[in-house]
Amino acid sequence: MTALARVAVLGAGSWGTAFAKVVGDSGREVVLWARRPEVATAVSERRENPDYLPGIRLPETVSATTNAAAALSGVDAVVLAVPSQTLRGNLADWKPLLPPGRTLVSLAKGVELGTLKRMSEVIAEVAEVPSSQVAVVSGPNLAREIAAGEPTATVIACSDHERALALQAATSNDYFRSYTNTDVVGCELGGAGKNVIALAVGIAAGMGLGDNSRASLITRGLAETSRLGAALGADPLTFAGLAGLGDLVATCSSPLSRNRTFGEHLGRGESLAQAEAANHGQVAEGVKSCLSICELGERHGVELPIADAVRRVCHEGYSAREMAKELISRAPKAE
């Protein structure tokens, strides 16, 4: 596989910008596509994305543009850094501009509403490329900490191991360590499931519950995500790794986690609209993903009690206290 010298990152939010910095700090040329001209100008002229990562200086290897054709010209890989539920529409617009044969990389963590497809499946379908051309990135990757150069690790999953190795080389520097994996299904479900479990943990924290309650939710949440993964053909060991347990712990524990923070507002008795307003108008990914994940569990006959409880709190007016009471009073069973 040819080394990746020039990479496009489509989406200039916090994770897209942080990932562009990782690739730039790994010695590659990066073009960051931003929807808004003021963001592209700030990145190119001030070396900063003040809207999403204020105070973080971006390397000279990163430039920005609002022109998707310019961003995609001559690149060796295309990184898709837009929210999971908008990926299909955005990619359909970009499809005529995609350079043939290049690796397409998903940073989004979710399951598409309606189709119940994972992000790599959406990419393969819309771009009309084989699944072996699509890679996913997943792990304990809170954007602000990565952008600040704090050490972390991630998983790059692709069924074509040579493509994963090329991406590994393009994302390796003194603060970011990449591991490869061929279990795309497991890595994606771990990333999608952790957002929903983080909402549950946040709800518990908002209710004032302590470490025992939160640890129980994290552990049982990992168990139900692993069950769903097994039903879809994932390797169970994936969920004990960075894309499973690692991502879950980070997202459930950190105040930087949008899903955890959103859940805290719900746990304090606030409405979905109030939680969204407190989250600067942004809806946490898990709020939408809980619907598709629960539907996916139902389709495959997998019981997902925590995800289902979160779904009802978010979408059926279920109270946080009702959720806690229901989960603790479930029928006794072996672990």
Protein backbone atom coordinates (compact mmCIF):
# COMPACT_ATOMS: atom_id res chain seq x y z
CA MET A 1 0.00 0.00 0.00
CA THR A 2 1.34 3.43 -0.98
CA ALA A 3 2.29 5.71 1.91
CA LEU A 4 -0.23 8.44 2.66
CA ALA A 5 1.36 11.82 1.94
CA ARG A 6 -1.74 14.04 1.57
CA VAL A 7 -4.99 13.50 3.49
CA ALA A 8 -8.35 15.28 3.32
CA VAL A 9 -10.44 15.62 6.47
CA LEU A 10 -14.04 16.54 5.65
CA GLY A 11 -15.60 18.16 8.71
CA ALA A 12 -14.01 20.81 10.93
CA GLY A 13 -15.69 20.08 14.23
CA SER A 14 -13.67 19.28 17.35
CA TRP A 15 -12.84 15.66 16.41
CA GLY A 16 -12.21 16.40 12.74
CA THR A 17 -9.87 19.25 13.64
CA ALA A 18 -8.07 17.21 16.30
CA PHE A 19 -7.63 14.31 13.88
CA ALA A 20 -6.27 16.70 11.23
CA LYS A 21 -3.74 17.87 13.82
CA VAL A 22 -2.75 14.26 14.58
CA VAL A 23 -2.12 13.55 10.89
CA GLY A 24 -0.31 16.86 10.43
CA ASP A 25 1.89 16.20 13.48
CA SER A 26 2.70 12.81 11.93
CA GLY A 27 4.38 14.58 9.02
CA ARG A 28 1.57 14.47 6.47
CA GLU A 29 -0.03 17.28 4.50
CA VAL A 30 -3.67 17.76 5.56
CA VAL A 31 -6.50 19.71 3.96
CA LEU A 32 -9.40 20.35 6.34
CA TRP A 33 -12.78 21.02 4.73
CA ALA A 34 -15.00 23.39 6.72
CA ARG A 35 -18.58 24.28 5.94
CA ARG A 36 -18.22 27.85 7.22
CA PRO A 37 -15.74 30.31 5.61
CA GLU A 38 -14.81 31.91 8.94
CA VAL A 39 -13.62 28.55 10.28
CA ALA A 40 -11.51 27.84 7.17
CA THR A 41 -10.01 31.33 7.34
CA ALA A 42 -9.15 31.00 11.03
CA VAL A 43 -7.44 27.64 10.47
CA SER A 44 -5.45 28.81 7.44
CA GLU A 45 -4.48 32.26 8.71
CA ARG A 46 -4.42 31.96 12.52
CA ARG A 47 -3.59 28.22 12.80
CA GLU A 48 -6.57 27.76 15.14
CA ASN A 49 -10.19 26.60 15.12
CA PRO A 50 -11.60 29.02 17.72
CA ASP A 51 -15.14 27.65 17.55
CA TYR A 52 -14.23 24.08 18.49
CA LEU A 53 -10.66 23.97 19.84
CA PRO A 54 -9.84 27.48 21.08
CA GLY A 55 -6.27 27.99 22.20
CA ILE A 56 -4.92 24.98 20.27
CA ARG A 57 -2.31 25.84 17.64
CA LEU A 58 -2.49 23.73 14.49
CA PRO A 59 0.68 22.73 12.62
CA GLU A 60 1.75 24.38 9.39
CA THR A 61 1.02 21.07 7.64
CA VAL A 62 -2.74 21.69 8.08
CA SER A 63 -4.62 24.03 5.74
CA ALA A 64 -8.36 24.58 5.34
CA THR A 65 -10.89 25.34 2.63
CA THR A 66 -14.65 25.47 2.05
CA ASN A 67 -14.17 24.01 -1.45
CA ALA A 68 -14.67 20.25 -1.30
CA ALA A 69 -13.16 19.72 -4.76
CA ALA A 70 -9.98 21.53 -3.70
CA ALA A 71 -9.82 19.55 -0.46
CA LEU A 72 -10.11 16.24 -2.30
CA SER A 73 -7.69 17.02 -5.11
CA GLY A 74 -4.69 14.70 -5.15
CA VAL A 75 -5.29 13.13 -1.74
CA ASP A 76 -4.26 9.61 -0.72
CA ALA A 77 -7.03 9.14 1.87
CA VAL A 78 -10.34 10.80 2.72
CA VAL A 79 -11.38 11.13 6.37
CA LEU A 80 -15.10 11.67 6.96
CA ALA A 81 -15.62 13.66 10.16
CA VAL A 82 -19.30 14.57 10.09
CA PRO A 83 -22.05 13.38 12.50
CA SER A 84 -23.36 9.88 11.87
CA GLN A 85 -26.90 10.92 10.91
CA THR A 86 -25.66 13.45 8.33
CA LEU A 87 -23.00 11.23 6.78
CA ARG A 88 -25.18 9.81 4.00
CA GLY A 89 -26.32 13.20 2.68
CA ASN A 90 -22.88 14.76 2.84
CA LEU A 91 -21.18 11.81 1.19
CA ALA A 92 -23.73 11.78 -1.63
CA ASP A 93 -22.72 15.38 -2.40
CA TRP A 94 -19.01 14.54 -2.27
CA LYS A 95 -19.18 11.26 -4.21
CA PRO A 96 -18.42 12.74 -7.69
CA LEU A 97 -15.28 14.35 -6.23
CA LEU A 98 -13.82 11.30 -4.49
CA PRO A 99 -10.50 10.14 -5.95
CA PRO A 100 -10.82 6.50 -7.11
CA GLY A 101 -9.33 3.70 -5.06
CA ARG A 102 -8.43 5.84 -2.06
CA THR A 103 -9.11 4.70 1.49
CA LEU A 104 -12.26 6.25 3.00
CA VAL A 105 -12.04 6.67 6.78
CA SER A 106 -14.97 7.09 9.16
CA LEU A 107 -14.61 9.03 12.42
CA ALA A 108 -18.36 8.94 13.13
CA LYS A 109 -19.73 6.70 15.87
CA GLY A 110 -23.32 5.67 15.42
CA VAL A 111 -25.89 3.49 13.67
CA GLU A 112 -27.96 5.13 10.96
CA LEU A 113 -31.61 5.68 11.77
CA GLY A 114 -33.98 3.80 9.50
CA THR A 115 -31.47 1.60 7.68
CA LEU A 116 -29.70 0.43 10.88
CA LYS A 117 -26.44 0.45 8.94
CA ARG A 118 -23.06 1.04 10.54
CA MET A 119 -21.08 4.00 9.22
CA SER A 120 -18.71 1.85 7.15
CA GLU A 121 -21.75 0.24 5.50
CA VAL A 122 -23.21 3.66 4.68
CA ILE A 123 -19.90 4.76 3.16
CA ALA A 124 -19.51 1.62 1.04
CA GLU A 125 -23.09 1.91 -0.19
CA VAL A 126 -23.13 5.63 -1.02
CA ALA A 127 -19.59 5.81 -2.45
CA GLU A 128 -20.12 2.49 -4.26
CA VAL A 129 -16.82 1.04 -3.12
CA PRO A 130 -15.94 -2.39 -1.67
CA SER A 131 -16.02 -2.64 2.12
CA SER A 132 -12.27 -3.37 2.09
CA GLN A 133 -11.70 0.24 0.99
CA VAL A 134 -13.35 1.64 4.14
CA ALA A 135 -11.63 2.03 7.51
CA VAL A 136 -12.92 3.23 10.88
CA VAL A 137 -11.18 4.94 13.80
CA SER A 138 -12.35 4.23 17.33
CA GLY A 139 -10.96 4.45 20.85
CA PRO A 140 -10.70 6.68 23.94
CA ASN A 141 -10.31 9.77 21.81
CA LEU A 142 -11.64 12.90 23.52
CA ALA A 143 -10.79 15.60 21.01
CA ARG A 144 -9.67 18.34 23.40
CA GLU A 145 -7.12 16.13 25.18
CA ILE A 146 -5.70 14.85 21.89
CA ALA A 147 -5.43 18.36 20.47
CA ALA A 148 -3.53 19.36 23.61
CA GLY A 149 -1.02 16.60 22.93
CA GLU A 150 -1.99 14.34 25.84
CA PRO A 151 -0.94 10.72 25.15
CA THR A 152 -3.66 8.35 23.96
CA ALA A 153 -4.19 5.34 21.72
CA THR A 154 -6.76 4.37 19.11
CA VAL A 155 -7.77 1.52 16.83
CA ILE A 156 -7.80 1.72 13.04
CA ALA A 157 -10.00 -1.07 11.74
CA CYS A 158 -10.15 -2.20 8.14
CA SER A 159 -10.68 -5.59 6.53
CA ASP A 160 -7.75 -4.72 4.24
CA HIS A 161 -4.86 -4.82 6.69
CA GLU A 162 -2.49 -3.03 4.30
CA ARG A 163 -4.78 0.00 4.27
CA ALA A 164 -4.92 -0.06 8.07
CA LEU A 165 -1.12 -0.16 8.21
CA ALA A 166 -0.84 2.88 5.91
CA LEU A 167 -3.25 4.80 8.14
CA GLN A 168 -1.36 3.65 11.22
CA ALA A 169 1.83 5.16 9.83
CA ALA A 170 0.02 8.41 9.02
CA THR A 171 -1.33 8.76 12.58
CA SER A 172 1.72 7.89 14.67
CA ASN A 173 3.54 10.58 16.62
CA ASP A 174 4.81 11.30 20.12
CA TYR A 175 1.32 11.59 21.67
CA PHE A 176 -0.92 9.44 19.47
CA ARG A 177 -0.48 5.67 19.12
CA SER A 178 -2.52 3.66 16.62
CA TYR A 179 -3.23 -0.06 16.67
CA THR A 180 -4.68 -2.00 13.74
CA ASN A 181 -7.60 -4.40 13.73
CA THR A 182 -9.60 -6.20 11.07
CA ASP A 183 -12.80 -6.39 13.16
CA VAL A 184 -14.66 -3.43 11.70
CA VAL A 185 -18.04 -4.58 13.08
CA GLY A 186 -16.80 -4.80 16.67
CA CYS A 187 -14.99 -1.46 16.57
CA GLU A 188 -18.03 0.33 15.16
CA LEU A 189 -20.52 -1.19 17.59
CA GLY A 190 -18.23 -0.40 20.51
CA GLY A 191 -18.08 3.22 19.39
CA ALA A 192 -21.83 3.52 18.82
CA GLY A 193 -22.84 1.67 21.99
CA LYS A 194 -20.61 3.66 24.34
CA ASN A 195 -22.47 6.90 23.57
CA VAL A 196 -25.73 5.37 24.78
CA ILE A 197 -24.17 3.88 27.92
CA ALA A 198 -22.50 7.25 28.64
CA LEU A 199 -25.94 8.85 28.63
CA ALA A 200 -27.06 6.31 31.25
CA VAL A 201 -23.97 6.97 33.38
CA GLY A 202 -24.53 10.71 33.06
CA ILE A 203 -28.15 10.28 34.13
CA ALA A 204 -26.98 8.36 37.20
CA ALA A 205 -24.44 11.08 38.03
CA GLY A 206 -27.10 13.77 37.59
CA MET A 207 -29.27 11.91 40.08
CA GLY A 208 -26.44 12.06 42.58
CA LEU A 209 -25.64 8.34 42.43
CA GLY A 210 -22.09 7.32 43.26
CA ASP A 211 -19.25 5.24 41.89
CA ASN A 212 -20.85 1.85 42.53
CA SER A 213 -23.89 2.74 40.45
CA ARG A 214 -21.82 4.22 37.63
CA ALA A 215 -19.38 1.28 37.59
CA SER A 216 -22.31 -1.15 37.43
CA LEU A 217 -23.78 0.69 34.43
CA ILE A 218 -20.43 0.77 32.64
CA THR A 219 -19.83 -2.94 33.19
CA ARG A 220 -23.32 -4.11 32.31
CA GLY A 221 -23.36 -1.67 29.40
CA LEU A 222 -20.22 -3.30 28.04
CA ALA A 223 -21.88 -6.69 28.44
CA GLU A 224 -24.95 -5.75 26.41
CA THR A 225 -22.89 -4.05 23.69
CA SER A 226 -20.73 -7.18 23.49
CA ARG A 227 -23.84 -9.37 23.16
CA LEU A 228 -25.06 -7.27 20.25
CA GLY A 229 -21.63 -7.40 18.66
CA ALA A 230 -21.47 -11.18 18.94
CA ALA A 231 -24.87 -11.45 17.26
CA LEU A 232 -23.55 -9.38 14.35
CA GLY A 233 -20.36 -11.40 13.98
CA ALA A 234 -17.88 -9.25 15.90
CA ASP A 235 -14.89 -10.68 17.75
CA PRO A 236 -15.75 -10.61 21.50
CA LEU A 237 -12.15 -9.67 22.33
CA THR A 238 -12.59 -6.36 20.51
CA PHE A 239 -14.86 -5.15 23.31
CA ALA A 240 -12.10 -5.68 25.88
CA GLY A 241 -9.80 -3.40 23.87
CA LEU A 242 -9.46 0.29 23.06
CA ALA A 243 -12.53 0.45 20.80
CA GLY A 244 -14.65 -1.24 23.47
CA LEU A 245 -13.71 -0.81 27.10
CA GLY A 246 -11.23 2.00 26.44
CA ASP A 247 -13.69 4.22 24.63
CA LEU A 248 -16.47 3.32 27.05
CA VAL A 249 -14.51 4.31 30.16
CA ALA A 250 -13.35 7.61 28.67
CA THR A 251 -16.81 8.59 27.42
CA CYS A 252 -18.59 7.59 30.62
CA SER A 253 -16.08 9.24 32.97
CA SER A 254 -15.00 12.52 31.42
CA PRO A 255 -16.66 15.93 31.79
CA LEU A 256 -15.40 16.52 28.22
CA SER A 257 -17.82 13.82 27.00
CA ARG A 258 -20.88 15.40 25.38
CA ASN A 259 -22.97 12.28 26.00
CA ARG A 260 -22.03 12.01 29.67
CA THR A 261 -22.74 15.73 30.22
CA PHE A 262 -26.03 15.56 28.32
CA GLY A 263 -27.11 12.63 30.51
CA GLU A 264 -26.31 14.59 33.67
CA HIS A 265 -28.81 17.25 32.67
CA LEU A 266 -31.47 14.59 32.09
CA GLY A 267 -30.63 13.04 35.46
CA ARG A 268 -31.29 16.38 37.15
CA GLY A 269 -34.82 16.29 35.76
CA GLU A 270 -34.28 18.59 32.78
CA SER A 271 -36.09 17.97 29.50
CA LEU A 272 -34.40 16.93 26.28
CA ALA A 273 -34.77 20.53 25.03
CA GLN A 274 -33.21 21.94 28.20
CA ALA A 275 -30.31 19.49 28.00
CA GLU A 276 -29.78 20.44 24.36
CA ALA A 277 -29.79 24.15 25.22
CA ALA A 278 -27.24 23.55 27.99
CA ASN A 279 -25.15 21.65 25.42
CA HIS A 280 -24.90 24.78 23.22
CA GLY A 281 -27.69 23.57 20.96
CA GLN A 282 -25.99 20.28 20.13
CA VAL A 283 -27.73 16.93 20.59
CA ALA A 284 -25.48 14.16 21.88
CA GLU A 285 -24.98 11.31 19.39
CA GLY A 286 -26.37 8.76 21.85
CA VAL A 287 -29.78 10.46 21.89
CA LYS A 288 -30.34 9.37 18.28
CA SER A 289 -28.22 6.23 18.36
CA CYS A 290 -30.25 4.70 21.21
CA LEU A 291 -33.19 4.42 18.80
CA SER A 292 -31.28 2.61 16.08
CA ILE A 293 -29.28 0.45 18.51
CA CYS A 294 -32.43 -0.72 20.28
CA GLU A 295 -34.04 -1.51 16.93
CA LEU A 296 -30.90 -3.40 15.90
CA GLY A 297 -31.08 -5.41 19.14
CA GLU A 298 -34.72 -6.23 18.53
CA ARG A 299 -33.97 -7.34 14.97
CA HIS A 300 -31.29 -9.75 16.19
CA GLY A 301 -33.07 -10.91 19.33
CA VAL A 302 -30.56 -9.30 21.73
CA GLU A 303 -31.76 -7.85 25.02
CA LEU A 304 -30.41 -4.33 25.65
CA PRO A 305 -31.97 -3.16 28.93
CA ILE A 306 -29.77 -0.11 29.53
CA ALA A 307 -30.03 1.15 25.95
CA ASP A 308 -33.80 0.63 26.04
CA ALA A 309 -34.10 2.53 29.32
CA VAL A 310 -32.11 5.43 27.84
CA ARG A 311 -34.35 5.37 24.77
CA ARG A 312 -37.45 5.75 26.90
CA VAL A 313 -35.95 8.57 28.97
CA CYS A 314 -34.96 10.44 25.82
CA HIS A 315 -38.01 9.76 23.67
CA GLU A 316 -40.95 8.58 25.79
CA GLY A 317 -40.87 10.91 28.78
CA TYR A 318 -39.61 8.20 31.13
CA SER A 319 -38.11 9.71 34.30
CA ALA A 320 -34.56 9.04 35.44
CA ARG A 321 -35.84 7.57 38.72
CA GLU A 322 -38.15 5.21 36.86
CA MET A 323 -35.17 4.11 34.79
CA ALA A 324 -33.07 3.38 37.87
CA LYS A 325 -35.88 1.50 39.60
CA GLU A 326 -36.56 -0.64 36.54
CA LEU A 327 -32.93 -1.60 36.00
CA ILE A 328 -32.32 -2.58 39.62
CA SER A 329 -35.54 -4.61 39.84
CA ARG A 330 -34.96 -6.76 36.77
CA ALA A 331 -35.27 -10.52 37.30
CA PRO A 332 -32.21 -12.09 39.00
CA LYS A 333 -29.91 -14.04 36.69
CA ALA A 334 -26.36 -15.35 36.40
CA GLU A 335 -23.76 -12.85 35.20
